[in-house]
């Protein structure tokens, strides 16, 4: 989950942007507490959203206070105070960053020096949250096996879907339901597939596994959409439909405007962007890209 789970700015209420910023900063501090200061460099919007939605589903309210941080020393900002959920997600964020860099290295890319920045944080995450990191470790093994077999897009995305389902179930504990399990199953599958489609041409050029390249054999993403666009679009439409249906069956103790904005508007917008071949824009949150 790196950079695809985004909100739709024009339809985001100021109150929800303020909340998201506070949650984002709170997660940053949570990463520092659970995995050390260097690990904060791996902070992502995606896990910040997980923090917002999982806290809401679990009925854990945020306590927001104005505080300073190493990035914003002069002017204090509203920051969500860390709790056990935040620290656990900080460990998840760090482990995901470490595994992503490991995957990049395995695929012949760079990242060895950068991965060293997360090595100590990853060890701390593994020691403090062995069950959560164990889910991610199993996912890496299953994903590698699926890609080695040359799986179709649907099959290749299954490990990612299962990982997200198991991870969020473990974090929600008794608050997890069939609806939450399936919502995050769809979300995990969507993240894997949207990333694969976005990287189609880059993976093709570098000879790396990509389920769309493997299944359709197009010479470019543009050709893929020209020849098989209806089929690819249907795949993503079915995932969005599944997320929308499961979201309707989940009870949120607190305001759900932020969650609805991301899942019902942000994700469709990102899907359209990738389907059209547009480059990813760089949004800023708290002045940080």
C-alpha atoms as a PDB file:
ATOM      1  CA  UNK A   1       0.000   0.000   0.000  1.00  0.00           C
ATOM      2  CA  UNK A   2       2.034   2.895  -1.184  1.00  0.00           C
ATOM      3  CA  UNK A   3       0.414   6.056  -2.464  1.00  0.00           C
ATOM      4  CA  UNK A   4      -2.822   4.858  -4.062  1.00  0.00           C
ATOM      5  CA  UNK A   5      -5.301   5.200  -1.185  1.00  0.00           C
ATOM      6  CA  UNK A   6      -6.107   8.903  -1.411  1.00  0.00           C
ATOM      7  CA  UNK A   7      -8.890  11.291  -0.586  1.00  0.00           C
ATOM      8  CA  UNK A   8     -10.795  13.387  -3.147  1.00  0.00           C
ATOM      9  CA  UNK A   9      -9.788  16.943  -2.244  1.00  0.00           C
ATOM     10  CA  UNK A  10     -12.687  18.935  -3.790  1.00  0.00           C
ATOM     11  CA  UNK A  11     -15.213  16.871  -1.838  1.00  0.00           C
ATOM     12  CA  UNK A  12     -13.300  16.647   1.444  1.00  0.00           C
ATOM     13  CA  UNK A  13     -14.734  18.673   4.314  1.00  0.00           C
ATOM     14  CA  UNK A  14     -12.299  20.913   6.180  1.00  0.00           C
ATOM     15  CA  UNK A  15     -13.070  19.051   9.409  1.00  0.00           C
ATOM     16  CA  UNK A  16     -12.065  15.758   7.776  1.00  0.00           C
ATOM     17  CA  UNK A  17      -8.882  17.197   6.302  1.00  0.00           C
ATOM     18  CA  UNK A  18      -8.008  18.471   9.783  1.00  0.00           C
ATOM     19  CA  UNK A  19      -8.691  15.015  11.230  1.00  0.00           C
ATOM     20  CA  UNK A  20      -6.651  13.272   8.529  1.00  0.00           C
ATOM     21  CA  UNK A  21      -3.719  15.596   9.129  1.00  0.00           C
ATOM     22  CA  UNK A  22      -3.893  14.921  12.858  1.00  0.00           C
ATOM     23  CA  UNK A  23      -4.069  11.156  12.283  1.00  0.00           C
ATOM     24  CA  UNK A  24      -1.164  11.339   9.803  1.00  0.00           C
ATOM     25  CA  UNK A  25       1.007  13.175  12.346  1.00  0.00           C
ATOM     26  CA  UNK A  26      -0.124  10.843  15.127  1.00  0.00           C
ATOM     27  CA  UNK A  27       0.918   7.821  13.068  1.00  0.00           C
ATOM     28  CA  UNK A  28       4.291   9.440  12.458  1.00  0.00           C
ATOM     29  CA  UNK A  29       4.804   9.704  16.211  1.00  0.00           C
ATOM     30  CA  UNK A  30       3.474   6.181  16.670  1.00  0.00           C
ATOM     31  CA  UNK A  31       6.110   4.880  14.255  1.00  0.00           C
ATOM     32  CA  UNK A  32       8.782   6.661  16.268  1.00  0.00           C
ATOM     33  CA  UNK A  33       7.557   5.091  19.499  1.00  0.00           C
ATOM     34  CA  UNK A  34       7.297   1.535  18.188  1.00  0.00           C
ATOM     35  CA  UNK A  35      10.145   1.420  15.666  1.00  0.00           C
ATOM     36  CA  UNK A  36      12.470   4.381  16.205  1.00  0.00           C
ATOM     37  CA  UNK A  37      12.961   7.761  14.563  1.00  0.00           C
ATOM     38  CA  UNK A  38      14.479   6.577  11.266  1.00  0.00           C
ATOM     39  CA  UNK A  39      11.441   4.432  10.574  1.00  0.00           C
ATOM     40  CA  UNK A  40       9.324   7.590  10.406  1.00  0.00           C
ATOM     41  CA  UNK A  41      10.781   8.171   6.948  1.00  0.00           C
ATOM     42  CA  UNK A  42       8.492   5.394   5.676  1.00  0.00           C
ATOM     43  CA  UNK A  43       5.265   7.137   6.722  1.00  0.00           C
ATOM     44  CA  UNK A  44       2.495   6.663   4.125  1.00  0.00           C
ATOM     45  CA  UNK A  45      -0.961   8.090   3.453  1.00  0.00           C
ATOM     46  CA  UNK A  46      -2.230   4.545   3.057  1.00  0.00           C
ATOM     47  CA  UNK A  47      -1.508   3.432   6.608  1.00  0.00           C
ATOM     48  CA  UNK A  48      -2.729   6.810   7.899  1.00  0.00           C
ATOM     49  CA  UNK A  49      -6.073   6.001   6.288  1.00  0.00           C
ATOM     50  CA  UNK A  50      -6.013   2.546   7.880  1.00  0.00           C
ATOM     51  CA  UNK A  51      -5.505   4.256  11.229  1.00  0.00           C
ATOM     52  CA  UNK A  52      -8.519   6.513  10.640  1.00  0.00           C
ATOM     53  CA  UNK A  53     -10.901   3.769   9.517  1.00  0.00           C
ATOM     54  CA  UNK A  54      -9.778   1.095  11.996  1.00  0.00           C
ATOM     55  CA  UNK A  55     -10.041   3.485  14.951  1.00  0.00           C
ATOM     56  CA  UNK A  56     -13.554   4.377  13.794  1.00  0.00           C
ATOM     57  CA  UNK A  57     -14.716   0.784  13.326  1.00  0.00           C
ATOM     58  CA  UNK A  58     -13.204  -0.215  16.674  1.00  0.00           C
ATOM     59  CA  UNK A  59     -14.924   2.708  18.400  1.00  0.00           C
ATOM     60  CA  UNK A  60     -11.630   4.181  19.610  1.00  0.00           C
ATOM     61  CA  UNK A  61     -11.878   7.960  19.548  1.00  0.00           C
ATOM     62  CA  UNK A  62      -8.850  10.119  18.819  1.00  0.00           C
ATOM     63  CA  UNK A  63      -7.573  12.581  21.394  1.00  0.00           C
ATOM     64  CA  UNK A  64      -6.191  15.514  19.448  1.00  0.00           C
ATOM     65  CA  UNK A  65      -3.890  18.090  21.001  1.00  0.00           C
ATOM     66  CA  UNK A  66      -1.624  20.773  19.589  1.00  0.00           C
ATOM     67  CA  UNK A  67       1.965  19.596  19.699  1.00  0.00           C
ATOM     68  CA  UNK A  68       5.263  20.226  17.985  1.00  0.00           C
ATOM     69  CA  UNK A  69       7.423  17.737  16.101  1.00  0.00           C
ATOM     70  CA  UNK A  70      10.815  17.536  14.424  1.00  0.00           C
ATOM     71  CA  UNK A  71       9.296  18.571  11.076  1.00  0.00           C
ATOM     72  CA  UNK A  72       7.308  21.516  12.448  1.00  0.00           C
ATOM     73  CA  UNK A  73       9.174  22.901  15.446  1.00  0.00           C
ATOM     74  CA  UNK A  74       7.983  26.499  15.470  1.00  0.00           C
ATOM     75  CA  UNK A  75       4.240  26.214  15.017  1.00  0.00           C
ATOM     76  CA  UNK A  76       2.366  23.519  16.912  1.00  0.00           C
ATOM     77  CA  UNK A  77      -0.168  21.457  14.988  1.00  0.00           C
ATOM     78  CA  UNK A  78      -3.180  19.318  15.934  1.00  0.00           C
ATOM     79  CA  UNK A  79      -1.830  15.798  16.408  1.00  0.00           C
ATOM     80  CA  UNK A  80      -3.727  12.646  17.360  1.00  0.00           C
ATOM     81  CA  UNK A  81      -2.200  11.195  20.507  1.00  0.00           C
ATOM     82  CA  UNK A  82      -0.715   7.753  20.088  1.00  0.00           C
ATOM     83  CA  UNK A  83      -2.437   4.677  21.461  1.00  0.00           C
ATOM     84  CA  UNK A  84      -1.893   0.930  21.090  1.00  0.00           C
ATOM     85  CA  UNK A  85      -3.642   0.831  17.698  1.00  0.00           C
ATOM     86  CA  UNK A  86      -1.420   3.652  16.424  1.00  0.00           C
ATOM     87  CA  UNK A  87       1.765   2.002  17.655  1.00  0.00           C
ATOM     88  CA  UNK A  88       0.757  -1.320  16.116  1.00  0.00           C
ATOM     89  CA  UNK A  89       0.056   0.395  12.797  1.00  0.00           C
ATOM     90  CA  UNK A  90       3.426   2.132  13.117  1.00  0.00           C
ATOM     91  CA  UNK A  91       5.028  -1.301  13.237  1.00  0.00           C
ATOM     92  CA  UNK A  92       2.960  -2.396  10.234  1.00  0.00           C
ATOM     93  CA  UNK A  93       4.015   0.709   8.296  1.00  0.00           C
ATOM     94  CA  UNK A  94       7.679   0.013   9.039  1.00  0.00           C
ATOM     95  CA  UNK A  95       7.454  -3.665   8.119  1.00  0.00           C
ATOM     96  CA  UNK A  96       5.656  -2.822   4.869  1.00  0.00           C
ATOM     97  CA  UNK A  97       8.376  -0.328   3.946  1.00  0.00           C
ATOM     98  CA  UNK A  98      11.081  -2.885   4.715  1.00  0.00           C
ATOM     99  CA  UNK A  99       9.376  -5.640   2.709  1.00  0.00           C
ATOM    100  CA  UNK A 100       8.704  -3.325  -0.241  1.00  0.00           C
ATOM    101  CA  UNK A 101      12.390  -2.430  -0.442  1.00  0.00           C
ATOM    102  CA  UNK A 102      13.257  -6.114  -0.118  1.00  0.00           C
ATOM    103  CA  UNK A 103      10.922  -6.855  -3.020  1.00  0.00           C
ATOM    104  CA  UNK A 104      12.515  -4.081  -5.099  1.00  0.00           C
ATOM    105  CA  UNK A 105      15.960  -5.537  -4.430  1.00  0.00           C
ATOM    106  CA  UNK A 106      14.754  -9.023  -5.364  1.00  0.00           C
ATOM    107  CA  UNK A 107      13.440  -7.640  -8.652  1.00  0.00           C
ATOM    108  CA  UNK A 108      16.868  -6.254  -9.486  1.00  0.00           C
ATOM    109  CA  UNK A 109      16.244  -2.675  -8.452  1.00  0.00           C
ATOM    110  CA  UNK A 110      18.053  -0.475  -5.962  1.00  0.00           C
ATOM    111  CA  UNK A 111      17.154   0.107  -2.353  1.00  0.00           C
ATOM    112  CA  UNK A 112      19.824  -1.725  -0.376  1.00  0.00           C
ATOM    113  CA  UNK A 113      21.147   1.446   1.227  1.00  0.00           C
ATOM    114  CA  UNK A 114      17.654   2.758   1.925  1.00  0.00           C
ATOM    115  CA  UNK A 115      16.575  -0.539   3.445  1.00  0.00           C
ATOM    116  CA  UNK A 116      19.325  -0.183   6.046  1.00  0.00           C
ATOM    117  CA  UNK A 117      17.427   2.815   7.425  1.00  0.00           C
ATOM    118  CA  UNK A 118      14.547   0.508   8.315  1.00  0.00           C
ATOM    119  CA  UNK A 119      16.528  -2.505   9.520  1.00  0.00           C
ATOM    120  CA  UNK A 120      16.486  -1.653  13.242  1.00  0.00           C
ATOM    121  CA  UNK A 121      12.890  -0.496  13.067  1.00  0.00           C
ATOM    122  CA  UNK A 122      11.884  -3.730  11.368  1.00  0.00           C
ATOM    123  CA  UNK A 123      13.596  -5.768  14.100  1.00  0.00           C
ATOM    124  CA  UNK A 124      11.732  -3.785  16.750  1.00  0.00           C
ATOM    125  CA  UNK A 125       8.427  -4.294  14.928  1.00  0.00           C
ATOM    126  CA  UNK A 126       9.074  -8.026  14.654  1.00  0.00           C
ATOM    127  CA  UNK A 127       9.906  -8.274  18.355  1.00  0.00           C
ATOM    128  CA  UNK A 128       6.981  -6.196  19.639  1.00  0.00           C
ATOM    129  CA  UNK A 129       4.317  -7.326  17.161  1.00  0.00           C
ATOM    130  CA  UNK A 130       5.323 -10.821  15.995  1.00  0.00           C
ATOM    131  CA  UNK A 131       1.786 -11.827  14.968  1.00  0.00           C
ATOM    132  CA  UNK A 132       1.292  -8.795  12.722  1.00  0.00           C
ATOM    133  CA  UNK A 133       4.734  -9.053  11.130  1.00  0.00           C
ATOM    134  CA  UNK A 134       4.143 -12.794  10.745  1.00  0.00           C
ATOM    135  CA  UNK A 135       1.099 -12.049   8.576  1.00  0.00           C
ATOM    136  CA  UNK A 136       3.212  -9.775   6.376  1.00  0.00           C
ATOM    137  CA  UNK A 137       6.030 -12.318   6.211  1.00  0.00           C
ATOM    138  CA  UNK A 138       3.638 -15.052   5.095  1.00  0.00           C
ATOM    139  CA  UNK A 139       2.215 -12.673   2.494  1.00  0.00           C
ATOM    140  CA  UNK A 140       5.666 -12.055   0.993  1.00  0.00           C
ATOM    141  CA  UNK A 141       6.226 -15.808   0.667  1.00  0.00           C
ATOM    142  CA  UNK A 142       2.797 -16.440  -0.871  1.00  0.00           C
ATOM    143  CA  UNK A 143       3.125 -13.474  -3.227  1.00  0.00           C
ATOM    144  CA  UNK A 144       6.507 -14.639  -4.480  1.00  0.00           C
ATOM    145  CA  UNK A 145       5.100 -18.139  -5.072  1.00  0.00           C
ATOM    146  CA  UNK A 146       2.077 -16.788  -6.964  1.00  0.00           C
ATOM    147  CA  UNK A 147       4.226 -14.614  -9.205  1.00  0.00           C
ATOM    148  CA  UNK A 148       6.662 -17.452  -9.851  1.00  0.00           C
ATOM    149  CA  UNK A 149       3.771 -19.529 -11.210  1.00  0.00           C
ATOM    150  CA  UNK A 150       2.872 -16.745 -13.629  1.00  0.00           C
ATOM    151  CA  UNK A 151      -0.562 -16.065 -12.159  1.00  0.00           C
ATOM    152  CA  UNK A 152      -3.434 -14.134 -13.739  1.00  0.00           C
ATOM    153  CA  UNK A 153      -4.277 -10.668 -12.316  1.00  0.00           C
ATOM    154  CA  UNK A 154      -7.019 -12.106 -10.112  1.00  0.00           C
ATOM    155  CA  UNK A 155      -4.855 -14.950  -8.766  1.00  0.00           C
ATOM    156  CA  UNK A 156      -1.748 -12.811  -8.347  1.00  0.00           C
ATOM    157  CA  UNK A 157      -3.698 -10.311  -6.226  1.00  0.00           C
ATOM    158  CA  UNK A 158      -5.090 -12.979  -3.859  1.00  0.00           C
ATOM    159  CA  UNK A 159      -2.129 -12.956  -1.408  1.00  0.00           C
ATOM    160  CA  UNK A 160      -2.436  -9.177  -1.081  1.00  0.00           C
ATOM    161  CA  UNK A 161      -6.184  -9.474  -0.481  1.00  0.00           C
ATOM    162  CA  UNK A 162      -5.694 -12.165   2.173  1.00  0.00           C
ATOM    163  CA  UNK A 163      -2.924 -10.203   3.847  1.00  0.00           C
ATOM    164  CA  UNK A 164      -5.094  -7.096   4.218  1.00  0.00           C
ATOM    165  CA  UNK A 165      -8.016  -9.162   5.479  1.00  0.00           C
ATOM    166  CA  UNK A 166      -5.952 -11.013   8.112  1.00  0.00           C
ATOM    167  CA  UNK A 167      -4.026  -7.926   9.159  1.00  0.00           C
ATOM    168  CA  UNK A 168      -7.085  -5.767   9.784  1.00  0.00           C
ATOM    169  CA  UNK A 169      -8.911  -8.659  11.464  1.00  0.00           C
ATOM    170  CA  UNK A 170      -6.002  -8.996  13.903  1.00  0.00           C
ATOM    171  CA  UNK A 171      -6.034  -5.252  14.599  1.00  0.00           C
ATOM    172  CA  UNK A 172      -9.812  -5.013  15.024  1.00  0.00           C
ATOM    173  CA  UNK A 173      -9.999  -8.164  17.174  1.00  0.00           C
ATOM    174  CA  UNK A 174     -13.575  -8.644  18.450  1.00  0.00           C
ATOM    175  CA  UNK A 175     -14.790  -5.679  16.375  1.00  0.00           C
ATOM    176  CA  UNK A 176     -13.980  -7.519  13.133  1.00  0.00           C
ATOM    177  CA  UNK A 177     -16.988  -8.785  11.152  1.00  0.00           C
ATOM    178  CA  UNK A 178     -17.569 -10.567   7.872  1.00  0.00           C
ATOM    179  CA  UNK A 179     -18.218  -7.160   6.301  1.00  0.00           C
ATOM    180  CA  UNK A 180     -14.937  -5.647   7.546  1.00  0.00           C
ATOM    181  CA  UNK A 181     -13.027  -8.755   6.477  1.00  0.00           C
ATOM    182  CA  UNK A 182     -14.420  -8.532   2.954  1.00  0.00           C
ATOM    183  CA  UNK A 183     -14.038  -4.749   2.692  1.00  0.00           C
ATOM    184  CA  UNK A 184     -10.325  -5.006   3.364  1.00  0.00           C
ATOM    185  CA  UNK A 185     -10.046  -8.107   1.168  1.00  0.00           C
ATOM    186  CA  UNK A 186     -11.346  -6.047  -1.752  1.00  0.00           C
ATOM    187  CA  UNK A 187      -9.127  -3.117  -0.793  1.00  0.00           C
ATOM    188  CA  UNK A 188      -6.015  -5.313  -0.659  1.00  0.00           C
ATOM    189  CA  UNK A 189      -6.788  -6.787  -4.072  1.00  0.00           C
ATOM    190  CA  UNK A 190      -7.425  -3.330  -5.532  1.00  0.00           C
ATOM    191  CA  UNK A 191      -4.124  -1.932  -4.229  1.00  0.00           C
ATOM    192  CA  UNK A 192      -2.128  -4.773  -5.764  1.00  0.00           C
ATOM    193  CA  UNK A 193      -3.863  -4.569  -9.136  1.00  0.00           C
ATOM    194  CA  UNK A 194      -3.849  -0.781  -9.455  1.00  0.00           C
ATOM    195  CA  UNK A 195      -0.131  -0.768  -8.682  1.00  0.00           C
ATOM    196  CA  UNK A 196       0.460  -3.529 -11.253  1.00  0.00           C
ATOM    197  CA  UNK A 197      -1.475  -1.688 -13.958  1.00  0.00           C
ATOM    198  CA  UNK A 198       0.284   1.588 -13.164  1.00  0.00           C
ATOM    199  CA  UNK A 199       3.675  -0.155 -13.438  1.00  0.00           C
ATOM    200  CA  UNK A 200       2.809  -2.109 -16.597  1.00  0.00           C
ATOM    201  CA  UNK A 201       5.273  -0.421 -18.944  1.00  0.00           C
ATOM    202  CA  UNK A 202       8.044  -0.133 -16.349  1.00  0.00           C
ATOM    203  CA  UNK A 203       7.787  -3.812 -15.426  1.00  0.00           C
ATOM    204  CA  UNK A 204       7.654  -4.821 -19.092  1.00  0.00           C
ATOM    205  CA  UNK A 205      10.796  -2.816 -19.853  1.00  0.00           C
ATOM    206  CA  UNK A 206      12.722  -4.238 -16.899  1.00  0.00           C
ATOM    207  CA  UNK A 207      11.493  -7.807 -17.400  1.00  0.00           C
ATOM    208  CA  UNK A 208       9.781  -7.981 -14.012  1.00  0.00           C
ATOM    209  CA  UNK A 209       6.655  -9.980 -13.296  1.00  0.00           C
ATOM    210  CA  UNK A 210       3.417  -8.134 -13.912  1.00  0.00           C
ATOM    211  CA  UNK A 211       0.092 -10.019 -14.056  1.00  0.00           C
ATOM    212  CA  UNK A 212      -1.262  -7.822 -16.842  1.00  0.00           C
ATOM    213  CA  UNK A 213       1.854  -8.339 -18.950  1.00  0.00           C
ATOM    214  CA  UNK A 214       1.752 -12.068 -18.168  1.00  0.00           C
ATOM    215  CA  UNK A 215      -1.903 -12.510 -19.069  1.00  0.00           C
ATOM    216  CA  UNK A 216      -2.372 -10.180 -22.025  1.00  0.00           C
ATOM    217  CA  UNK A 217       1.073  -9.849 -23.599  1.00  0.00           C
ATOM    218  CA  UNK A 218       0.479  -6.282 -24.803  1.00  0.00           C
ATOM    219  CA  UNK A 219       3.501  -4.238 -25.845  1.00  0.00           C
ATOM    220  CA  UNK A 220       2.379  -1.255 -23.746  1.00  0.00           C
ATOM    221  CA  UNK A 221      -0.280  -0.201 -21.257  1.00  0.00           C
ATOM    222  CA  UNK A 222      -1.874   1.840 -24.035  1.00  0.00           C
ATOM    223  CA  UNK A 223      -2.172  -1.237 -26.248  1.00  0.00           C
ATOM    224  CA  UNK A 224      -3.481  -3.262 -23.311  1.00  0.00           C
ATOM    225  CA  UNK A 225      -6.313  -0.785 -22.748  1.00  0.00           C
ATOM    226  CA  UNK A 226      -7.042  -0.534 -26.465  1.00  0.00           C
ATOM    227  CA  UNK A 227      -7.384  -4.289 -26.922  1.00  0.00           C
ATOM    228  CA  UNK A 228      -8.634  -5.404 -23.496  1.00  0.00           C
ATOM    229  CA  UNK A 229      -9.836  -2.186 -21.862  1.00  0.00           C
ATOM    230  CA  UNK A 230     -13.380  -3.425 -21.236  1.00  0.00           C
ATOM    231  CA  UNK A 231     -12.125  -6.517 -19.427  1.00  0.00           C
ATOM    232  CA  UNK A 232      -9.624  -4.588 -17.297  1.00  0.00           C
ATOM    233  CA  UNK A 233     -12.214  -1.924 -16.458  1.00  0.00           C
ATOM    234  CA  UNK A 234     -14.745  -4.583 -15.474  1.00  0.00           C
ATOM    235  CA  UNK A 235     -12.183  -6.105 -13.091  1.00  0.00           C
ATOM    236  CA  UNK A 236     -11.753  -2.819 -11.241  1.00  0.00           C
ATOM    237  CA  UNK A 237     -15.463  -1.993 -11.351  1.00  0.00           C
ATOM    238  CA  UNK A 238     -16.229  -5.317  -9.664  1.00  0.00           C
ATOM    239  CA  UNK A 239     -13.733  -4.553  -6.888  1.00  0.00           C
ATOM    240  CA  UNK A 240     -15.213  -1.108  -6.328  1.00  0.00           C
ATOM    241  CA  UNK A 241     -18.728  -2.554  -6.264  1.00  0.00           C
ATOM    242  CA  UNK A 242     -17.615  -5.083  -3.651  1.00  0.00           C
ATOM    243  CA  UNK A 243     -16.069  -2.391  -1.451  1.00  0.00           C
ATOM    244  CA  UNK A 244     -19.172  -0.235  -1.690  1.00  0.00           C
ATOM    245  CA  UNK A 245     -21.466  -3.119  -0.767  1.00  0.00           C
ATOM    246  CA  UNK A 246     -19.387  -4.149   2.258  1.00  0.00           C
ATOM    247  CA  UNK A 247     -18.979  -0.549   3.422  1.00  0.00           C
ATOM    248  CA  UNK A 248     -22.761  -0.234   3.625  1.00  0.00           C
ATOM    249  CA  UNK A 249     -22.846  -3.134   6.114  1.00  0.00           C
ATOM    250  CA  UNK A 250     -20.284  -1.705   8.532  1.00  0.00           C
ATOM    251  CA  UNK A 251     -21.258   0.321  11.587  1.00  0.00           C
ATOM    252  CA  UNK A 252     -19.166   3.395  12.339  1.00  0.00           C
ATOM    253  CA  UNK A 253     -19.528   4.806  15.871  1.00  0.00           C
ATOM    254  CA  UNK A 254     -18.119   8.150  14.718  1.00  0.00           C
ATOM    255  CA  UNK A 255     -18.479  10.350  11.651  1.00  0.00           C
ATOM    256  CA  UNK A 256     -17.813   8.426   8.421  1.00  0.00           C
ATOM    257  CA  UNK A 257     -17.368  11.328   5.992  1.00  0.00           C
ATOM    258  CA  UNK A 258     -13.599  10.828   5.688  1.00  0.00           C
ATOM    259  CA  UNK A 259     -13.950   7.092   5.111  1.00  0.00           C
ATOM    260  CA  UNK A 260     -16.658   7.569   2.486  1.00  0.00           C
ATOM    261  CA  UNK A 261     -14.618  10.237   0.721  1.00  0.00           C
ATOM    262  CA  UNK A 262     -11.588   7.950   0.361  1.00  0.00           C
ATOM    263  CA  UNK A 263     -13.380   4.717  -0.505  1.00  0.00           C
ATOM    264  CA  UNK A 264     -16.258   6.067  -2.589  1.00  0.00           C
ATOM    265  CA  UNK A 265     -14.521   8.979  -4.314  1.00  0.00           C
ATOM    266  CA  UNK A 266     -10.746   8.762  -3.878  1.00  0.00           C
ATOM    267  CA  UNK A 267     -10.352   5.153  -4.986  1.00  0.00           C
ATOM    268  CA  UNK A 268     -12.547   5.536  -8.110  1.00  0.00           C
ATOM    269  CA  UNK A 269     -10.575   8.668  -9.025  1.00  0.00           C
ATOM    270  CA  UNK A 270      -7.256   6.833  -8.685  1.00  0.00           C
ATOM    271  CA  UNK A 271      -8.657   3.987 -10.756  1.00  0.00           C
ATOM    272  CA  UNK A 272      -9.692   6.370 -13.551  1.00  0.00           C
ATOM    273  CA  UNK A 273      -6.282   8.039 -13.448  1.00  0.00           C
ATOM    274  CA  UNK A 274      -4.424   4.768 -13.907  1.00  0.00           C
ATOM    275  CA  UNK A 275      -6.840   3.443 -16.533  1.00  0.00           C
ATOM    276  CA  UNK A 276      -6.280   6.630 -18.524  1.00  0.00           C
ATOM    277  CA  UNK A 277      -2.506   6.429 -18.123  1.00  0.00           C
ATOM    278  CA  UNK A 278      -2.143   9.709 -16.232  1.00  0.00           C
ATOM    279  CA  UNK A 279       0.865  10.229 -13.983  1.00  0.00           C
ATOM    280  CA  UNK A 280       0.401  10.257 -10.229  1.00  0.00           C
ATOM    281  CA  UNK A 281       0.118  13.745  -8.778  1.00  0.00           C
ATOM    282  CA  UNK A 282       1.924  14.762  -5.617  1.00  0.00           C
ATOM    283  CA  UNK A 283      -0.465  15.909  -2.924  1.00  0.00           C
ATOM    284  CA  UNK A 284       0.747  17.499   0.269  1.00  0.00           C
ATOM    285  CA  UNK A 285      -0.408  16.844   3.791  1.00  0.00           C
ATOM    286  CA  UNK A 286       0.943  19.125   6.525  1.00  0.00           C
ATOM    287  CA  UNK A 287       3.389  20.525   4.016  1.00  0.00           C
ATOM    288  CA  UNK A 288       4.925  17.091   3.362  1.00  0.00           C
ATOM    289  CA  UNK A 289       4.699  15.484  -0.073  1.00  0.00           C
END
